[in-house]
Protein backbone atom coordinates (compact mmCIF):
# COMPACT_ATOMS: atom_id res chain seq x y z
CA MET A 1 7.85 6.82 -30.41
CA SER A 2 10.75 4.82 -31.76
CA GLU A 3 10.77 1.03 -31.58
CA MET A 4 13.78 1.18 -29.25
CA THR A 5 12.00 3.55 -26.83
CA ASN A 6 8.91 1.38 -26.97
CA LYS A 7 10.98 -1.74 -26.10
CA ALA A 8 12.62 0.10 -23.20
CA LYS A 9 9.20 1.00 -21.79
CA ASN A 10 8.21 -2.69 -21.88
CA THR A 11 11.42 -3.94 -20.30
CA VAL A 12 11.13 -5.13 -16.73
CA LEU A 13 13.56 -3.03 -14.70
CA ASN A 14 13.02 -4.67 -11.34
CA GLU A 15 10.83 -7.27 -9.68
CA MET A 16 10.11 -8.57 -6.18
CA THR A 17 7.91 -11.13 -4.49
CA LEU A 18 6.98 -11.25 -0.81
CA GLU A 19 4.98 -13.78 1.17
CA PHE A 20 3.94 -13.26 4.77
CA ASP A 21 1.45 -14.45 7.36
CA ALA A 22 -2.02 -12.96 7.04
CA VAL A 23 -1.92 -11.12 10.35
CA SER A 24 -2.74 -7.46 10.89
CA ASP A 25 0.80 -6.67 12.10
CA ASN A 26 2.09 -7.33 8.56
CA GLU A 27 -0.13 -4.78 6.81
CA SER A 28 2.24 -1.90 7.63
CA PHE A 29 5.24 -4.03 6.58
CA ALA A 30 3.63 -4.67 3.18
CA ARG A 31 2.91 -1.01 2.45
CA VAL A 32 6.40 0.14 3.46
CA ALA A 33 8.06 -2.69 1.49
CA VAL A 34 6.24 -1.71 -1.71
CA ALA A 35 6.99 1.98 -1.14
CA ALA A 36 10.69 1.19 -0.69
CA PHE A 37 10.67 -1.00 -3.80
CA VAL A 38 9.31 1.80 -6.00
CA SER A 39 11.70 4.43 -4.60
CA SER A 40 14.15 3.91 -7.48
CA LEU A 41 11.64 5.71 -9.74
CA ASN A 42 11.80 8.81 -7.51
CA PRO A 43 8.02 9.01 -6.92
CA THR A 44 6.40 12.07 -5.38
CA LEU A 45 5.11 11.94 -1.81
CA GLU A 46 1.57 11.92 -3.22
CA GLU A 47 2.36 8.91 -5.43
CA ILE A 48 3.91 7.07 -2.46
CA ALA A 49 0.85 7.84 -0.32
CA ASP A 50 -1.47 6.55 -3.07
CA ILE A 51 0.52 3.32 -3.45
CA LYS A 52 0.74 2.71 0.29
CA THR A 53 -3.01 3.27 0.72
CA ALA A 54 -3.92 0.89 -2.12
CA VAL A 55 -1.55 -1.82 -0.83
CA SER A 56 -2.88 -1.39 2.69
CA GLU A 57 -6.48 -1.84 1.53
CA ALA A 58 -5.70 -4.93 -0.57
CA VAL A 59 -3.65 -6.63 2.16
CA THR A 60 -6.26 -5.81 4.81
CA ASN A 61 -8.97 -7.33 2.58
CA SER A 62 -6.92 -10.53 2.28
CA ILE A 63 -6.46 -10.74 6.03
CA ILE A 64 -9.94 -9.98 7.33
CA HIS A 65 -12.11 -11.09 4.41
CA GLY A 66 -10.03 -13.76 2.68
CA TYR A 67 -8.92 -15.54 5.83
CA GLU A 68 -11.40 -14.03 8.26
CA ASN A 69 -8.47 -13.24 10.54
CA ILE A 70 -10.16 -10.54 12.56
CA TYR A 71 -7.64 -10.53 15.38
CA GLY A 72 -6.12 -7.09 15.67
CA TYR A 73 -9.16 -5.31 14.24
CA GLY A 74 -11.86 -3.40 16.09
CA LYS A 75 -13.30 -5.06 19.18
CA TYR A 76 -11.20 -8.19 18.50
CA ARG A 77 -7.85 -6.42 19.04
CA ASN A 78 -5.54 -8.33 21.37
CA THR A 79 -7.84 -11.36 21.57
CA ARG A 80 -5.68 -13.51 19.29
CA PRO A 81 -5.72 -17.18 20.24
CA ASP A 82 -2.61 -19.14 21.09
CA PHE A 83 -0.36 -18.83 18.01
CA GLN A 84 0.52 -22.52 18.07
CA THR A 85 -3.08 -23.45 17.32
CA PHE A 86 -3.76 -20.58 14.93
CA HIS A 87 -2.70 -20.63 11.27
CA PRO A 88 -3.38 -17.24 9.66
CA GLY A 89 -2.86 -18.13 5.98
CA LYS A 90 -0.45 -16.35 3.63
CA VAL A 91 -0.59 -13.18 1.55
CA GLN A 92 1.61 -12.84 -1.52
CA ILE A 93 2.73 -9.58 -3.11
CA HIS A 94 4.42 -9.45 -6.48
CA CYS A 95 5.68 -6.08 -7.76
CA MET A 96 7.28 -5.23 -11.05
CA ILE A 97 8.64 -1.97 -12.44
CA GLN A 98 8.24 -1.74 -16.18
CA GLY A 99 9.44 1.60 -17.55
CA ASP A 100 7.65 4.17 -15.40
CA ILE A 101 4.81 1.83 -14.44
CA LEU A 102 4.50 -0.04 -11.15
CA HIS A 103 2.60 -3.33 -11.34
CA ILE A 104 1.34 -4.71 -8.02
CA GLU A 105 -0.38 -8.06 -7.51
CA ILE A 106 -1.68 -9.05 -4.09
CA ALA A 107 -3.09 -12.55 -3.70
CA ASP A 108 -4.41 -14.92 -1.07
CA GLN A 109 -5.74 -18.47 -1.06
CA GLY A 110 -8.56 -17.59 1.31
CA LYS A 111 -12.28 -18.05 1.00
CA GLY A 112 -12.67 -15.92 -2.14
CA ILE A 113 -15.43 -13.53 -3.16
CA GLU A 114 -18.76 -14.82 -4.46
CA ASP A 115 -19.78 -11.58 -6.21
CA VAL A 116 -16.78 -9.39 -7.08
CA GLU A 117 -18.94 -6.71 -8.69
CA LYS A 118 -21.04 -6.36 -5.50
CA ALA A 119 -17.92 -6.42 -3.28
CA MET A 120 -16.46 -3.52 -5.28
CA GLU A 121 -19.46 -1.28 -4.67
CA PRO A 122 -18.63 1.66 -2.38
CA LEU A 123 -19.90 1.17 1.19
CA PHE A 124 -20.47 -2.59 0.75
CA THR A 125 -18.95 -4.59 3.59
CA THR A 126 -19.38 -8.09 4.95
CA LYS A 127 -17.81 -7.08 8.28
CA PRO A 128 -19.82 -4.15 9.68
CA GLU A 129 -19.13 -5.42 13.22
CA LEU A 130 -15.45 -4.55 12.63
CA GLU A 131 -16.43 -1.00 11.72
CA ARG A 132 -15.29 -1.54 8.12
CA SER A 133 -16.37 1.27 5.79
CA GLY A 134 -16.69 -0.79 2.62
CA MET A 135 -14.43 1.63 0.74
CA GLY A 136 -11.36 -0.57 0.21
CA PHE A 137 -11.86 -1.29 -3.49
CA ALA A 138 -13.05 2.27 -4.11
CA PHE A 139 -9.82 3.62 -2.60
CA MET A 140 -7.71 1.19 -4.64
CA GLU A 141 -9.53 2.28 -7.79
CA ALA A 142 -9.18 5.99 -6.95
CA PHE A 143 -5.48 5.90 -6.05
CA MET A 144 -4.23 3.57 -8.79
CA ASP A 145 -4.49 3.91 -12.57
CA GLU A 146 -5.87 0.40 -13.11
CA LEU A 147 -7.52 -2.17 -10.85
CA GLU A 148 -8.53 -5.73 -11.65
CA VAL A 149 -9.97 -8.15 -9.09
CA THR A 150 -10.37 -11.85 -9.77
CA SER A 151 -11.69 -14.32 -7.26
CA ARG A 152 -13.20 -17.76 -6.90
CA PRO A 153 -15.05 -18.94 -3.82
CA GLY A 154 -12.88 -21.39 -1.92
CA GLU A 155 -9.77 -20.56 -3.97
CA GLY A 156 -8.82 -17.01 -3.03
CA THR A 157 -8.56 -13.54 -4.50
CA ARG A 158 -6.06 -11.75 -6.71
CA VAL A 159 -5.89 -7.94 -6.92
CA ARG A 160 -3.86 -6.45 -9.77
CA MET A 161 -3.08 -2.73 -9.75
CA LEU A 162 -1.05 -0.43 -12.01
CA LYS A 163 0.33 3.00 -11.22
CA LYS A 164 2.06 5.17 -13.81
CA LEU A 165 4.58 7.33 -12.01
CA GLY A 166 5.59 10.85 -12.93
CA THR A 167 2.12 12.05 -13.90
CA ILE A 168 1.58 14.34 -10.90
CA PRO A 169 2.89 17.87 -11.49
CA TRP A 170 5.63 19.10 -9.15
CA ILE A 171 4.12 22.58 -8.83
CA GLU A 172 0.41 23.32 -8.94
CA ASP A 173 -0.60 25.89 -11.55
CA GLU A 174 -1.95 29.05 -9.99
CA ASP A 175 -4.95 30.48 -11.80
C-alpha cells in the first residue's frame, strides 16, 4: 500500500457528536442518527442492522444501568415521575468515519461499572427484574469489529466500537 493510500485511510472524512437525555425514548433516535451518519459509506442492510443493534445496546446500558433510569422499561413503563423533578442524566455519542471504518463512542457520567470483565460476561445482568437478558455487551462484540469498555464507579462508562464497512459480500457463494 502506498504512503498516500495509507494517509487517505487515516484521514477523518466526517465526524459528529450528539448529546441527549438518558431516557428510553431517545434510544431509537440514537440508533437512527448513527445509521444516517454512516450512510455516506453506502453500507449494506446487514451492516446497518449490526450498527443499529450495537448502538441500541450501548445507549440502553447507559440509560438503565448507568443512570438507573428504568422508566419506560418492563413493568416500569409509563410510571415516569413528574419530569420537573426528574433529571435523567445525559448520554453522549461521538462518531467518526476514517476511510472505510466507523468509530463510535458512547459515554455517560452515570454510576459506572465496578467489574467490567464480569459485566461483559454473556447472561450477566444487574437488572433481572426488568427482564434484561445480559447479552448487551455480547451483541456489541458480535456485531462490531472491535469493542472496548472503560468504566469507573461513580464516574461513568465509555464504550468504544469500530466497524469496518464493505467486508460483507453482496452475493452469497453457492456451494
